[in-house]
Amino acid sequence: MFTMKQYDTAFKREVCKRIVEDGEKVSALSEELGIHENTLYKFALSGKQREAVCRERRRPCAARK
């Protein structure tokens, strides 16, 4: 049976930072971490969306659990 791997918030934030802020290529990170590219894109997109909403509201982002 297939079980889906879950990643903690700190890991997702680090991956998002490496993609968005540091400009690392998703394909290279995917190979390095052994995680499918689509999963990494989801991490980056969710992080960017969350940051954009927080900027609009002009308040610090709370960590999601």
Foldseek 3Di string as FASTA:
>chain_A
DDDDDDDDQVVLVVLLCCCPVVVDDLVVVCVVVVHDSVVSVVSNVVVVVQVVVCVVVVHDGDGDD
